[in-house]
All heavy atoms as atom14 arrays in JSON, in Angstrom:
{
  "sequence": "FLGNIKGSLSMALALGIPATVMGRGELVTLVFGSVLLSLVFQG",
  "atom14_mask": [
    [1, 1, 1, 1, 1, 1, 1, 1, 1, 1, 1, 0, 0, 0],
    [1, 1, 1, 1, 1, 1, 1, 1, 0, 0, 0, 0, 0, 0],
    [1, 1, 1, 1, 0, 0, 0, 0, 0, 0, 0, 0, 0, 0],
    [1, 1, 1, 1, 1, 1, 1, 1, 0, 0, 0, 0, 0, 0],
    [1, 1, 1, 1, 1, 1, 1, 1, 0, 0, 0, 0, 0, 0],
    [1, 1, 1, 1, 1, 1, 1, 1, 1, 0, 0, 0, 0, 0],
    [1, 1, 1, 1, 0, 0, 0, 0, 0, 0, 0, 0, 0, 0],
    [1, 1, 1, 1, 1, 1, 0, 0, 0, 0, 0, 0, 0, 0],
    [1, 1, 1, 1, 1, 1, 1, 1, 0, 0, 0, 0, 0, 0],
    [1, 1, 1, 1, 1, 1, 0, 0, 0, 0, 0, 0, 0, 0],
    [1, 1, 1, 1, 1, 1, 1, 1, 0, 0, 0, 0, 0, 0],
    [1, 1, 1, 1, 1, 0, 0, 0, 0, 0, 0, 0, 0, 0],
    [1, 1, 1, 1, 1, 1, 1, 1, 0, 0, 0, 0, 0, 0],
    [1, 1, 1, 1, 1, 0, 0, 0, 0, 0, 0, 0, 0, 0],
    [1, 1, 1, 1, 1, 1, 1, 1, 0, 0, 0, 0, 0, 0],
    [1, 1, 1, 1, 0, 0, 0, 0, 0, 0, 0, 0, 0, 0],
    [1, 1, 1, 1, 1, 1, 1, 1, 0, 0, 0, 0, 0, 0],
    [1, 1, 1, 1, 1, 1, 1, 0, 0, 0, 0, 0, 0, 0],
    [1, 1, 1, 1, 1, 0, 0, 0, 0, 0, 0, 0, 0, 0],
    [1, 1, 1, 1, 1, 1, 1, 0, 0, 0, 0, 0, 0, 0],
    [1, 1, 1, 1, 1, 1, 1, 0, 0, 0, 0, 0, 0, 0],
    [1, 1, 1, 1, 1, 1, 1, 1, 0, 0, 0, 0, 0, 0],
    [1, 1, 1, 1, 0, 0, 0, 0, 0, 0, 0, 0, 0, 0],
    [1, 1, 1, 1, 1, 1, 1, 1, 1, 1, 1, 0, 0, 0],
    [1, 1, 1, 1, 0, 0, 0, 0, 0, 0, 0, 0, 0, 0],
    [1, 1, 1, 1, 1, 1, 1, 1, 1, 0, 0, 0, 0, 0],
    [1, 1, 1, 1, 1, 1, 1, 1, 0, 0, 0, 0, 0, 0],
    [1, 1, 1, 1, 1, 1, 1, 0, 0, 0, 0, 0, 0, 0],
    [1, 1, 1, 1, 1, 1, 1, 0, 0, 0, 0, 0, 0, 0],
    [1, 1, 1, 1, 1, 1, 1, 1, 0, 0, 0, 0, 0, 0],
    [1, 1, 1, 1, 1, 1, 1, 0, 0, 0, 0, 0, 0, 0],
    [1, 1, 1, 1, 1, 1, 1, 1, 1, 1, 1, 0, 0, 0],
    [1, 1, 1, 1, 0, 0, 0, 0, 0, 0, 0, 0, 0, 0],
    [1, 1, 1, 1, 1, 1, 0, 0, 0, 0, 0, 0, 0, 0],
    [1, 1, 1, 1, 1, 1, 1, 0, 0, 0, 0, 0, 0, 0],
    [1, 1, 1, 1, 1, 1, 1, 1, 0, 0, 0, 0, 0, 0],
    [1, 1, 1, 1, 1, 1, 1, 1, 0, 0, 0, 0, 0, 0],
    [1, 1, 1, 1, 1, 1, 0, 0, 0, 0, 0, 0, 0, 0],
    [1, 1, 1, 1, 1, 1, 1, 1, 0, 0, 0, 0, 0, 0],
    [1, 1, 1, 1, 1, 1, 1, 0, 0, 0, 0, 0, 0, 0],
    [1, 1, 1, 1, 1, 1, 1, 1, 1, 1, 1, 0, 0, 0],
    [1, 1, 1, 1, 1, 1, 1, 1, 1, 0, 0, 0, 0, 0],
    [1, 1, 1, 1, 0, 0, 0, 0, 0, 0, 0, 0, 0, 0]
  ],
  "atom14_positions": [
    [[0.83, -1.22, 0.0], [0.0, 0.0, 0.0], [0.86, 1.26, 0.0], [0.66, 2.17, -0.82], [-0.92, 0.0, 1.21], [-1.53, 1.34, 1.51], [-2.41, 1.93, 0.63], [-1.18, 2.03, 2.67], [-2.96, 3.18, 0.9], [-1.72, 3.26, 2.94], [-2.61, 3.85, 2.05], [0.0, 0.0, 0.0], [0.0, 0.0, 0.0], [0.0, 0.0, 0.0]],
    [[1.85, 1.3, 0.88], [2.69, 2.5, 1.0], [3.57, 2.7, -0.23], [3.99, 3.82, -0.52], [3.56, 2.4, 2.26], [2.8, 2.43, 3.59], [3.74, 2.1, 4.74], [2.13, 3.77, 3.8], [0.0, 0.0, 0.0], [0.0, 0.0, 0.0], [0.0, 0.0, 0.0], [0.0, 0.0, 0.0], [0.0, 0.0, 0.0], [0.0, 0.0, 0.0]],
    [[3.86, 1.6, -0.94], [4.69, 1.7, -2.14], [3.92, 2.12, -3.37], [4.43, 2.01, -4.5], [0.0, 0.0, 0.0], [0.0, 0.0, 0.0], [0.0, 0.0, 0.0], [0.0, 0.0, 0.0], [0.0, 0.0, 0.0], [0.0, 0.0, 0.0], [0.0, 0.0, 0.0], [0.0, 0.0, 0.0], [0.0, 0.0, 0.0], [0.0, 0.0, 0.0]],
    [[2.72, 2.64, -3.18], [1.86, 3.07, -4.28], [2.31, 4.44, -4.79], [1.6, 5.44, -4.69], [0.4, 3.11, -3.79], [-0.57, 3.48, -4.88], [-0.35, 3.19, -6.04], [-1.64, 4.15, -4.49], [0.0, 0.0, 0.0], [0.0, 0.0, 0.0], [0.0, 0.0, 0.0], [0.0, 0.0, 0.0], [0.0, 0.0, 0.0], [0.0, 0.0, 0.0]],
    [[3.53, 4.48, -5.33], [4.13, 5.74, -5.75], [3.95, 5.91, -7.27], [4.07, 4.96, -8.02], [5.63, 5.77, -5.38], [5.79, 5.69, -3.86], [6.3, 7.03, -5.91], [7.22, 5.63, -3.4], [0.0, 0.0, 0.0], [0.0, 0.0, 0.0], [0.0, 0.0, 0.0], [0.0, 0.0, 0.0], [0.0, 0.0, 0.0], [0.0, 0.0, 0.0]],
    [[3.63, 7.12, -7.68], [3.39, 7.41, -9.09], [4.68, 7.91, -9.74], [5.58, 8.4, -9.06], [2.27, 8.44, -9.26], [1.01, 8.1, -8.48], [0.5, 6.71, -8.81], [-0.55, 6.24, -7.82], [-0.88, 4.81, -8.03], [0.0, 0.0, 0.0], [0.0, 0.0, 0.0], [0.0, 0.0, 0.0], [0.0, 0.0, 0.0], [0.0, 0.0, 0.0]],
    [[4.73, 7.81, -11.08], [5.96, 8.2, -11.76], [5.74, 8.65, -13.18], [4.7, 9.21, -13.55], [0.0, 0.0, 0.0], [0.0, 0.0, 0.0], [0.0, 0.0, 0.0], [0.0, 0.0, 0.0], [0.0, 0.0, 0.0], [0.0, 0.0, 0.0], [0.0, 0.0, 0.0], [0.0, 0.0, 0.0], [0.0, 0.0, 0.0], [0.0, 0.0, 0.0]],
    [[6.73, 8.37, -14.02], [6.79, 8.94, -15.37], [5.68, 8.45, -16.28], [5.17, 9.21, -17.11], [8.15, 8.61, -16.0], [8.36, 7.2, -16.0], [0.0, 0.0, 0.0], [0.0, 0.0, 0.0], [0.0, 0.0, 0.0], [0.0, 0.0, 0.0], [0.0, 0.0, 0.0], [0.0, 0.0, 0.0], [0.0, 0.0, 0.0], [0.0, 0.0, 0.0]],
    [[5.28, 7.18, -16.17], [4.26, 6.67, -17.07], [2.93, 7.37, -16.84], [2.19, 7.66, -17.81], [4.1, 5.16, -16.89], [3.13, 4.46, -17.85], [3.49, 4.76, -19.3], [3.08, 2.97, -17.6], [0.0, 0.0, 0.0], [0.0, 0.0, 0.0], [0.0, 0.0, 0.0], [0.0, 0.0, 0.0], [0.0, 0.0, 0.0], [0.0, 0.0, 0.0]],
    [[2.61, 7.68, -15.6], [1.37, 8.43, -15.32], [1.4, 9.79, -15.99], [0.41, 10.23, -16.59], [1.2, 8.6, -13.8], [0.99, 7.36, -13.17], [0.0, 0.0, 0.0], [0.0, 0.0, 0.0], [0.0, 0.0, 0.0], [0.0, 0.0, 0.0], [0.0, 0.0, 0.0], [0.0, 0.0, 0.0], [0.0, 0.0, 0.0], [0.0, 0.0, 0.0]],
    [[2.56, 10.46, -15.94], [2.66, 11.77, -16.57], [2.6, 11.66, -18.09], [2.0, 12.51, -18.77], [3.96, 12.45, -16.13], [4.01, 12.72, -14.63], [5.48, 13.61, -14.1], [5.17, 15.23, -14.78], [0.0, 0.0, 0.0], [0.0, 0.0, 0.0], [0.0, 0.0, 0.0], [0.0, 0.0, 0.0], [0.0, 0.0, 0.0], [0.0, 0.0, 0.0]],
    [[3.22, 10.62, -18.64], [3.19, 10.44, -20.1], [1.76, 10.21, -20.59], [1.35, 10.77, -21.62], [4.08, 9.26, -20.49], [0.0, 0.0, 0.0], [0.0, 0.0, 0.0], [0.0, 0.0, 0.0], [0.0, 0.0, 0.0], [0.0, 0.0, 0.0], [0.0, 0.0, 0.0], [0.0, 0.0, 0.0], [0.0, 0.0, 0.0], [0.0, 0.0, 0.0]],
    [[1.0, 9.41, -19.88], [-0.39, 9.17, -20.28], [-1.23, 10.43, -20.13], [-2.14, 10.68, -20.93], [-0.98, 8.02, -19.46], [-0.45, 6.63, -19.76], [-1.2, 5.58, -18.94], [-0.56, 6.3, -21.23], [0.0, 0.0, 0.0], [0.0, 0.0, 0.0], [0.0, 0.0, 0.0], [0.0, 0.0, 0.0], [0.0, 0.0, 0.0], [0.0, 0.0, 0.0]],
    [[-0.95, 11.21, -19.09], [-1.69, 12.46, -18.92], [-1.44, 13.38, -20.11], [-2.37, 14.01, -20.65], [-1.28, 13.15, -17.62], [0.0, 0.0, 0.0], [0.0, 0.0, 0.0], [0.0, 0.0, 0.0], [0.0, 0.0, 0.0], [0.0, 0.0, 0.0], [0.0, 0.0, 0.0], [0.0, 0.0, 0.0], [0.0, 0.0, 0.0], [0.0, 0.0, 0.0]],
    [[-0.18, 13.48, -20.55], [0.13, 14.29, -21.73], [-0.49, 13.7, -22.99], [-0.71, 14.41, -23.97], [1.65, 14.39, -21.9], [2.4, 15.18, -20.83], [3.91, 15.08, -21.07], [1.97, 16.63, -20.81], [0.0, 0.0, 0.0], [0.0, 0.0, 0.0], [0.0, 0.0, 0.0], [0.0, 0.0, 0.0], [0.0, 0.0, 0.0], [0.0, 0.0, 0.0]],
    [[-0.76, 12.39, -22.97], [-1.32, 11.74, -24.14], [-2.84, 11.82, -24.24], [-3.42, 11.3, -25.19], [0.0, 0.0, 0.0], [0.0, 0.0, 0.0], [0.0, 0.0, 0.0], [0.0, 0.0, 0.0], [0.0, 0.0, 0.0], [0.0, 0.0, 0.0], [0.0, 0.0, 0.0], [0.0, 0.0, 0.0], [0.0, 0.0, 0.0], [0.0, 0.0, 0.0]],
    [[-3.48, 12.46, -23.27], [-4.94, 12.65, -23.37], [-5.23, 13.58, -24.55], [-4.68, 14.68, -24.63], [-5.5, 13.24, -22.08], [-5.28, 12.28, -20.91], [-6.99, 13.55, -22.22], [-5.7, 12.85, -19.56], [0.0, 0.0, 0.0], [0.0, 0.0, 0.0], [0.0, 0.0, 0.0], [0.0, 0.0, 0.0], [0.0, 0.0, 0.0], [0.0, 0.0, 0.0]],
    [[-6.07, 13.16, -25.49], [-6.33, 13.99, -26.68], [-6.94, 15.34, -26.31], [-7.63, 15.48, -25.29], [-7.3, 13.15, -27.51], [-7.17, 11.76, -26.98], [-6.81, 11.89, -25.53], [0.0, 0.0, 0.0], [0.0, 0.0, 0.0], [0.0, 0.0, 0.0], [0.0, 0.0, 0.0], [0.0, 0.0, 0.0], [0.0, 0.0, 0.0], [0.0, 0.0, 0.0]],
    [[-6.71, 16.32, -27.17], [-7.27, 17.66, -26.95], [-8.79, 17.65, -27.05], [-9.45, 18.59, -26.57], [-6.68, 18.63, -27.98], [0.0, 0.0, 0.0], [0.0, 0.0, 0.0], [0.0, 0.0, 0.0], [0.0, 0.0, 0.0], [0.0, 0.0, 0.0], [0.0, 0.0, 0.0], [0.0, 0.0, 0.0], [0.0, 0.0, 0.0], [0.0, 0.0, 0.0]],
    [[-9.37, 16.6, -27.65], [-10.83, 16.53, -27.78], [-11.52, 16.2, -26.46], [-12.74, 16.34, -26.34], [-11.22, 15.46, -28.82], [-10.62, 14.2, -28.45], [-10.73, 15.85, -30.2], [0.0, 0.0, 0.0], [0.0, 0.0, 0.0], [0.0, 0.0, 0.0], [0.0, 0.0, 0.0], [0.0, 0.0, 0.0], [0.0, 0.0, 0.0], [0.0, 0.0, 0.0]],
    [[-10.74, 15.73, -25.47], [-11.31, 15.44, -24.16], [-11.49, 16.75, -23.4], [-10.52, 17.51, -23.2], [-10.4, 14.47, -23.37], [-10.95, 14.26, -21.95], [-10.29, 13.14, -24.09], [0.0, 0.0, 0.0], [0.0, 0.0, 0.0], [0.0, 0.0, 0.0], [0.0, 0.0, 0.0], [0.0, 0.0, 0.0], [0.0, 0.0, 0.0], [0.0, 0.0, 0.0]],
    [[-12.71, 17.03, -22.99], [-13.0, 18.28, -22.3], [-12.23, 18.37, -20.97], [-12.16, 17.41, -20.22], [-14.5, 18.39, -22.03], [-14.94, 19.75, -21.47], [-16.74, 19.82, -21.26], [-17.28, 19.52, -22.94], [0.0, 0.0, 0.0], [0.0, 0.0, 0.0], [0.0, 0.0, 0.0], [0.0, 0.0, 0.0], [0.0, 0.0, 0.0], [0.0, 0.0, 0.0]],
    [[-11.63, 19.53, -20.7], [-10.9, 19.74, -19.47], [-9.56, 19.05, -19.42], [-9.05, 18.73, -18.35], [0.0, 0.0, 0.0], [0.0, 0.0, 0.0], [0.0, 0.0, 0.0], [0.0, 0.0, 0.0], [0.0, 0.0, 0.0], [0.0, 0.0, 0.0], [0.0, 0.0, 0.0], [0.0, 0.0, 0.0], [0.0, 0.0, 0.0], [0.0, 0.0, 0.0]],
    [[-8.93, 18.84, -20.6], [-7.66, 18.13, -20.65], [-6.59, 18.81, -19.8], [-5.84, 18.16, -19.06], [-7.18, 18.04, -22.1], [-5.8, 17.4, -22.26], [-5.3, 17.53, -23.7], [-4.0, 16.92, -23.86], [-2.85, 17.51, -23.59], [-2.85, 18.76, -23.11], [-1.7, 16.89, -23.76], [0.0, 0.0, 0.0], [0.0, 0.0, 0.0], [0.0, 0.0, 0.0]],
    [[-6.5, 20.14, -19.86], [-5.49, 20.86, -19.1], [-5.62, 20.64, -17.61], [-4.62, 20.45, -16.9], [0.0, 0.0, 0.0], [0.0, 0.0, 0.0], [0.0, 0.0, 0.0], [0.0, 0.0, 0.0], [0.0, 0.0, 0.0], [0.0, 0.0, 0.0], [0.0, 0.0, 0.0], [0.0, 0.0, 0.0], [0.0, 0.0, 0.0], [0.0, 0.0, 0.0]],
    [[-6.87, 20.64, -17.12], [-7.08, 20.42, -15.68], [-6.7, 18.99, -15.29], [-6.15, 18.76, -14.2], [-8.55, 20.68, -15.33], [-8.97, 22.14, -15.35], [-9.15, 22.66, -16.77], [-9.12, 21.84, -17.72], [-9.29, 23.9, -16.94], [0.0, 0.0, 0.0], [0.0, 0.0, 0.0], [0.0, 0.0, 0.0], [0.0, 0.0, 0.0], [0.0, 0.0, 0.0]],
    [[-6.95, 18.03, -16.17], [-6.58, 16.64, -15.87], [-5.06, 16.48, -15.8], [-4.54, 15.77, -14.93], [-7.16, 15.7, -16.93], [-8.69, 15.63, -17.04], [-9.09, 14.6, -18.09], [-9.32, 15.3, -15.7], [0.0, 0.0, 0.0], [0.0, 0.0, 0.0], [0.0, 0.0, 0.0], [0.0, 0.0, 0.0], [0.0, 0.0, 0.0], [0.0, 0.0, 0.0]],
    [[-4.36, 17.14, -16.74], [-2.89, 17.08, -16.73], [-2.35, 17.66, -15.43], [-1.45, 17.1, -14.79], [-2.31, 17.81, -17.96], [-0.79, 17.94, -17.84], [-2.69, 17.09, -19.25], [0.0, 0.0, 0.0], [0.0, 0.0, 0.0], [0.0, 0.0, 0.0], [0.0, 0.0, 0.0], [0.0, 0.0, 0.0], [0.0, 0.0, 0.0], [0.0, 0.0, 0.0]],
    [[-2.87, 18.82, -15.01], [-2.44, 19.44, -13.76], [-2.74, 18.53, -12.57], [-1.92, 18.39, -11.65], [-3.16, 20.79, -13.56], [-2.85, 21.64, -14.67], [-2.73, 21.45, -12.27], [0.0, 0.0, 0.0], [0.0, 0.0, 0.0], [0.0, 0.0, 0.0], [0.0, 0.0, 0.0], [0.0, 0.0, 0.0], [0.0, 0.0, 0.0], [0.0, 0.0, 0.0]],
    [[-3.89, 17.88, -12.59], [-4.29, 16.97, -11.51], [-3.3, 15.81, -11.39], [-2.85, 15.48, -10.28], [-5.7, 16.44, -11.8], [-6.53, 15.92, -10.63], [-6.83, 17.03, -9.64], [-7.83, 15.32, -11.17], [0.0, 0.0, 0.0], [0.0, 0.0, 0.0], [0.0, 0.0, 0.0], [0.0, 0.0, 0.0], [0.0, 0.0, 0.0], [0.0, 0.0, 0.0]],
    [[-2.94, 15.23, -12.52], [-2.02, 14.09, -12.51], [-0.62, 14.55, -12.1], [0.05, 13.9, -11.28], [-1.99, 13.41, -13.89], [-0.89, 12.35, -13.93], [-3.34, 12.77, -14.19], [0.0, 0.0, 0.0], [0.0, 0.0, 0.0], [0.0, 0.0, 0.0], [0.0, 0.0, 0.0], [0.0, 0.0, 0.0], [0.0, 0.0, 0.0], [0.0, 0.0, 0.0]],
    [[-0.15, 15.65, -12.67], [1.19, 16.13, -12.34], [1.32, 16.43, -10.85], [2.33, 16.1, -10.22], [1.52, 17.4, -13.16], [2.0, 17.1, -14.55], [1.62, 15.95, -15.21], [2.84, 17.98, -15.21], [2.06, 15.68, -16.49], [3.28, 17.73, -16.49], [2.89, 16.57, -17.14], [0.0, 0.0, 0.0], [0.0, 0.0, 0.0], [0.0, 0.0, 0.0]],
    [[0.31, 17.07, -10.29], [0.35, 17.37, -8.86], [0.34, 16.1, -8.02], [1.07, 16.01, -7.01], [0.0, 0.0, 0.0], [0.0, 0.0, 0.0], [0.0, 0.0, 0.0], [0.0, 0.0, 0.0], [0.0, 0.0, 0.0], [0.0, 0.0, 0.0], [0.0, 0.0, 0.0], [0.0, 0.0, 0.0], [0.0, 0.0, 0.0], [0.0, 0.0, 0.0]],
    [[-0.46, 15.13, -8.4], [-0.5, 13.86, -7.65], [0.85, 13.15, -7.71], [1.32, 12.59, -6.72], [-1.59, 12.96, -8.24], [-2.86, 13.58, -8.16], [0.0, 0.0, 0.0], [0.0, 0.0, 0.0], [0.0, 0.0, 0.0], [0.0, 0.0, 0.0], [0.0, 0.0, 0.0], [0.0, 0.0, 0.0], [0.0, 0.0, 0.0], [0.0, 0.0, 0.0]],
    [[1.48, 13.15, -8.9], [2.79, 12.52, -9.04], [3.82, 13.21, -8.17], [4.64, 12.56, -7.49], [3.23, 12.53, -10.52], [4.68, 12.08, -10.65], [2.33, 11.62, -11.35], [0.0, 0.0, 0.0], [0.0, 0.0, 0.0], [0.0, 0.0, 0.0], [0.0, 0.0, 0.0], [0.0, 0.0, 0.0], [0.0, 0.0, 0.0], [0.0, 0.0, 0.0]],
    [[3.81, 14.55, -8.17], [4.77, 15.29, -7.36], [4.61, 14.98, -5.87], [5.59, 14.67, -5.18], [4.62, 16.79, -7.6], [5.52, 17.69, -6.77], [6.99, 17.42, -7.07], [5.19, 19.16, -6.98], [0.0, 0.0, 0.0], [0.0, 0.0, 0.0], [0.0, 0.0, 0.0], [0.0, 0.0, 0.0], [0.0, 0.0, 0.0], [0.0, 0.0, 0.0]],
    [[3.39, 15.05, -5.36], [3.16, 14.76, -3.94], [3.52, 13.33, -3.61], [4.08, 13.05, -2.54], [1.69, 15.03, -3.59], [1.23, 16.49, -3.66], [-0.24, 16.6, -3.27], [2.08, 17.37, -2.75], [0.0, 0.0, 0.0], [0.0, 0.0, 0.0], [0.0, 0.0, 0.0], [0.0, 0.0, 0.0], [0.0, 0.0, 0.0], [0.0, 0.0, 0.0]],
    [[3.24, 12.41, -4.53], [3.56, 11.01, -4.29], [5.07, 10.8, -4.2], [5.56, 10.14, -3.28], [2.97, 10.16, -5.42], [3.37, 8.82, -5.3], [0.0, 0.0, 0.0], [0.0, 0.0, 0.0], [0.0, 0.0, 0.0], [0.0, 0.0, 0.0], [0.0, 0.0, 0.0], [0.0, 0.0, 0.0], [0.0, 0.0, 0.0], [0.0, 0.0, 0.0]],
    [[5.8, 11.36, -5.16], [7.25, 11.17, -5.18], [7.93, 11.8, -3.98], [8.88, 11.24, -3.42], [7.83, 11.74, -6.48], [7.6, 10.93, -7.75], [7.99, 11.74, -8.98], [8.37, 9.63, -7.7], [0.0, 0.0, 0.0], [0.0, 0.0, 0.0], [0.0, 0.0, 0.0], [0.0, 0.0, 0.0], [0.0, 0.0, 0.0], [0.0, 0.0, 0.0]],
    [[7.45, 12.98, -3.58], [8.11, 13.69, -2.47], [7.71, 13.09, -1.13], [8.57, 12.64, -0.36], [7.78, 15.19, -2.53], [8.34, 15.9, -1.3], [8.36, 15.81, -3.8], [0.0, 0.0, 0.0], [0.0, 0.0, 0.0], [0.0, 0.0, 0.0], [0.0, 0.0, 0.0], [0.0, 0.0, 0.0], [0.0, 0.0, 0.0], [0.0, 0.0, 0.0]],
    [[6.43, 13.06, -0.83], [6.01, 12.67, 0.52], [6.07, 11.15, 0.72], [6.62, 10.67, 1.72], [4.61, 13.22, 0.81], [4.58, 14.71, 0.93], [4.11, 15.5, -0.11], [5.05, 15.33, 2.07], [4.09, 16.88, 0.0], [5.04, 16.72, 2.19], [4.56, 17.49, 1.14], [0.0, 0.0, 0.0], [0.0, 0.0, 0.0], [0.0, 0.0, 0.0]],
    [[5.52, 10.39, -0.22], [5.62, 8.94, -0.08], [7.05, 8.47, -0.27], [7.51, 7.55, 0.42], [4.7, 8.24, -1.09], [3.23, 8.31, -0.72], [2.38, 7.55, -1.72], [1.8, 8.14, -2.63], [2.31, 6.24, -1.57], [0.0, 0.0, 0.0], [0.0, 0.0, 0.0], [0.0, 0.0, 0.0], [0.0, 0.0, 0.0], [0.0, 0.0, 0.0]],
    [[7.76, 9.09, -1.22], [9.14, 8.69, -1.45], [10.03, 8.91, -0.25], [10.88, 8.08, 0.07], [0.0, 0.0, 0.0], [0.0, 0.0, 0.0], [0.0, 0.0, 0.0], [0.0, 0.0, 0.0], [0.0, 0.0, 0.0], [0.0, 0.0, 0.0], [0.0, 0.0, 0.0], [0.0, 0.0, 0.0], [0.0, 0.0, 0.0], [0.0, 0.0, 0.0]]
  ]
}
């Protein structure tokens, strides 16, 4: 459970969300922030 750390693949898929998906920018920010908090605090 504690090793549930996010990384590069999550960010790559977030960048790969097509522009046709509504709110793509907010989703990218959401994923990037989650990855950062995961790497710093869980790491």
